[in-house]
Amino acid sequence: MIHPLILVAVFAVCTVAGYFIIRQVPSLLHTPLMSGMNALSGVTLVGALTATGISLLAGEGIWAQLFGCAAIILATINVFGGFGITHRMLRMFNKKKPRS
């Protein structure tokens, strides 16, 4: 089993790296970048489902299962919210049809 401190360290390094990467993105690229991040959020959802399933099969404690369920719920909210915001942003670029 992986030591929890290693997992926390990986999370911290990824958080700092993500911050510095996103900070350099020009505002013109935010809509396409957000669309790509929605696909990545789908991968996060699959990871949460897999980790929760493995914890259920391995007979881990109730806390692992509760955190897994919370991860699934939060990842699902992130995916649907991201696609909703992207759809709303893309509607701003559609030309309005003239009324007849």
C-alpha atoms as a PDB file:
ATOM      1  CA  MET A   1       0.000   0.000   0.000  1.00  0.00           C
ATOM      2  CA  ILE A   2       1.194   3.507  -0.798  1.00  0.00           C
ATOM      3  CA  HIS A   3       2.010   5.657   2.199  1.00  0.00           C
ATOM      4  CA  PRO A   4      -0.533   8.494   2.635  1.00  0.00           C
ATOM      5  CA  LEU A   5       2.229  11.107   2.920  1.00  0.00           C
ATOM      6  CA  ILE A   6       3.377  10.250  -0.601  1.00  0.00           C
ATOM      7  CA  LEU A   7      -0.163  10.775  -1.879  1.00  0.00           C
ATOM      8  CA  VAL A   8      -0.409  14.155  -0.121  1.00  0.00           C
ATOM      9  CA  ALA A   9       2.971  15.176  -1.576  1.00  0.00           C
ATOM     10  CA  VAL A  10       1.863  14.220  -5.096  1.00  0.00           C
ATOM     11  CA  PHE A  11      -1.345  16.206  -4.618  1.00  0.00           C
ATOM     12  CA  ALA A  12       0.578  19.268  -3.403  1.00  0.00           C
ATOM     13  CA  VAL A  13       3.063  19.158  -6.297  1.00  0.00           C
ATOM     14  CA  CYS A  14       0.244  18.767  -8.844  1.00  0.00           C
ATOM     15  CA  THR A  15      -1.653  21.675  -7.288  1.00  0.00           C
ATOM     16  CA  VAL A  16       1.342  24.008  -7.503  1.00  0.00           C
ATOM     17  CA  ALA A  17       2.215  22.899 -11.049  1.00  0.00           C
ATOM     18  CA  GLY A  18      -1.410  23.337 -12.167  1.00  0.00           C
ATOM     19  CA  TYR A  19      -1.553  26.824 -10.713  1.00  0.00           C
ATOM     20  CA  PHE A  20       1.558  27.956 -12.566  1.00  0.00           C
ATOM     21  CA  ILE A  21       0.386  26.394 -15.839  1.00  0.00           C
ATOM     22  CA  ILE A  22      -3.111  27.925 -15.724  1.00  0.00           C
ATOM     23  CA  ARG A  23      -1.738  31.322 -14.706  1.00  0.00           C
ATOM     24  CA  GLN A  24       0.111  31.572 -18.034  1.00  0.00           C
ATOM     25  CA  VAL A  25      -2.964  30.903 -20.232  1.00  0.00           C
ATOM     26  CA  PRO A  26      -4.220  33.959 -22.165  1.00  0.00           C
ATOM     27  CA  SER A  27      -7.901  34.793 -21.760  1.00  0.00           C
ATOM     28  CA  LEU A  28      -8.578  34.049 -25.443  1.00  0.00           C
ATOM     29  CA  LEU A  29      -7.890  30.364 -24.842  1.00  0.00           C
ATOM     30  CA  HIS A  30     -10.057  29.905 -21.760  1.00  0.00           C
ATOM     31  CA  THR A  31     -13.111  28.516 -23.625  1.00  0.00           C
ATOM     32  CA  PRO A  32     -11.215  25.818 -25.575  1.00  0.00           C
ATOM     33  CA  LEU A  33      -9.117  25.029 -22.513  1.00  0.00           C
ATOM     34  CA  MET A  34     -12.230  24.650 -20.378  1.00  0.00           C
ATOM     35  CA  SER A  35     -13.690  22.284 -22.944  1.00  0.00           C
ATOM     36  CA  GLY A  36     -10.578  20.134 -22.761  1.00  0.00           C
ATOM     37  CA  MET A  37     -10.639  20.218 -18.973  1.00  0.00           C
ATOM     38  CA  ASN A  38     -14.191  18.870 -19.008  1.00  0.00           C
ATOM     39  CA  ALA A  39     -12.888  15.776 -20.762  1.00  0.00           C
ATOM     40  CA  LEU A  40     -10.185  15.481 -18.116  1.00  0.00           C
ATOM     41  CA  SER A  41     -12.838  15.798 -15.408  1.00  0.00           C
ATOM     42  CA  GLY A  42     -14.505  12.756 -16.950  1.00  0.00           C
ATOM     43  CA  VAL A  43     -11.286  10.845 -16.375  1.00  0.00           C
ATOM     44  CA  THR A  44     -11.354  12.021 -12.754  1.00  0.00           C
ATOM     45  CA  LEU A  45     -14.856  10.618 -12.424  1.00  0.00           C
ATOM     46  CA  VAL A  46     -13.723   7.253 -13.793  1.00  0.00           C
ATOM     47  CA  GLY A  47     -10.814   7.276 -11.330  1.00  0.00           C
ATOM     48  CA  ALA A  48     -13.144   8.015  -8.417  1.00  0.00           C
ATOM     49  CA  LEU A  49     -15.447   5.188  -9.471  1.00  0.00           C
ATOM     50  CA  THR A  50     -12.526   2.780  -9.790  1.00  0.00           C
ATOM     51  CA  ALA A  51     -10.983   3.720  -6.440  1.00  0.00           C
ATOM     52  CA  THR A  52     -14.321   3.417  -4.671  1.00  0.00           C
ATOM     53  CA  GLY A  53     -15.017   0.057  -6.292  1.00  0.00           C
ATOM     54  CA  ILE A  54     -11.616  -1.268  -5.275  1.00  0.00           C
ATOM     55  CA  SER A  55     -12.118  -0.064  -1.691  1.00  0.00           C
ATOM     56  CA  LEU A  56     -15.480  -1.848  -1.589  1.00  0.00           C
ATOM     57  CA  LEU A  57     -14.006  -5.105  -2.923  1.00  0.00           C
ATOM     58  CA  ALA A  58     -10.991  -4.923  -0.614  1.00  0.00           C
ATOM     59  CA  GLY A  59     -13.204  -4.469   2.423  1.00  0.00           C
ATOM     60  CA  GLU A  60     -11.666  -1.140   3.393  1.00  0.00           C
ATOM     61  CA  GLY A  61     -13.196   0.800   6.247  1.00  0.00           C
ATOM     62  CA  ILE A  62     -16.307   2.908   6.062  1.00  0.00           C
ATOM     63  CA  TRP A  63     -14.253   6.115   5.781  1.00  0.00           C
ATOM     64  CA  ALA A  64     -12.674   4.993   2.500  1.00  0.00           C
ATOM     65  CA  GLN A  65     -16.118   4.257   1.118  1.00  0.00           C
ATOM     66  CA  LEU A  66     -17.550   7.588   2.297  1.00  0.00           C
ATOM     67  CA  PHE A  67     -14.662   9.562   0.836  1.00  0.00           C
ATOM     68  CA  GLY A  68     -15.011   7.570  -2.394  1.00  0.00           C
ATOM     69  CA  CYS A  69     -18.706   8.396  -2.624  1.00  0.00           C
ATOM     70  CA  ALA A  70     -17.947  12.061  -1.947  1.00  0.00           C
ATOM     71  CA  ALA A  71     -15.314  12.000  -4.708  1.00  0.00           C
ATOM     72  CA  ILE A  72     -17.835  10.522  -7.139  1.00  0.00           C
ATOM     73  CA  ILE A  73     -20.439  13.164  -6.287  1.00  0.00           C
ATOM     74  CA  LEU A  74     -17.982  16.066  -6.539  1.00  0.00           C
ATOM     75  CA  ALA A  75     -16.484  14.807  -9.817  1.00  0.00           C
ATOM     76  CA  THR A  76     -19.987  14.422 -11.287  1.00  0.00           C
ATOM     77  CA  ILE A  77     -20.895  17.981 -10.279  1.00  0.00           C
ATOM     78  CA  ASN A  78     -17.634  19.188 -11.823  1.00  0.00           C
ATOM     79  CA  VAL A  79     -18.323  17.430 -15.133  1.00  0.00           C
ATOM     80  CA  PHE A  80     -21.922  18.623 -15.505  1.00  0.00           C
ATOM     81  CA  GLY A  81     -21.131  22.142 -14.295  1.00  0.00           C
ATOM     82  CA  GLY A  82     -18.175  22.427 -16.664  1.00  0.00           C
ATOM     83  CA  PHE A  83     -20.181  21.348 -19.682  1.00  0.00           C
ATOM     84  CA  GLY A  84     -23.003  23.714 -18.707  1.00  0.00           C
ATOM     85  CA  ILE A  85     -20.627  26.672 -18.460  1.00  0.00           C
ATOM     86  CA  THR A  86     -18.892  25.765 -21.734  1.00  0.00           C
ATOM     87  CA  HIS A  87     -22.255  25.515 -23.500  1.00  0.00           C
ATOM     88  CA  ARG A  88     -23.243  28.919 -22.138  1.00  0.00           C
ATOM     89  CA  MET A  89     -19.941  30.465 -23.255  1.00  0.00           C
ATOM     90  CA  LEU A  90     -20.262  28.996 -26.756  1.00  0.00           C
ATOM     91  CA  ARG A  91     -23.814  30.355 -27.074  1.00  0.00           C
ATOM     92  CA  MET A  92     -22.370  33.849 -26.709  1.00  0.00           C
ATOM     93  CA  PHE A  93     -20.494  33.359 -29.990  1.00  0.00           C
ATOM     94  CA  ASN A  94     -23.533  32.213 -32.011  1.00  0.00           C
ATOM     95  CA  LYS A  95     -24.920  34.802 -34.398  1.00  0.00           C
ATOM     96  CA  LYS A  96     -28.474  35.718 -33.618  1.00  0.00           C
ATOM     97  CA  LYS A  97     -30.930  34.896 -36.365  1.00  0.00           C
ATOM     98  CA  PRO A  98     -32.898  37.881 -37.696  1.00  0.00           C
ATOM     99  CA  ARG A  99     -36.554  37.845 -36.771  1.00  0.00           C
ATOM    100  CA  SER A 100     -38.945  37.597 -39.709  1.00  0.00           C
END
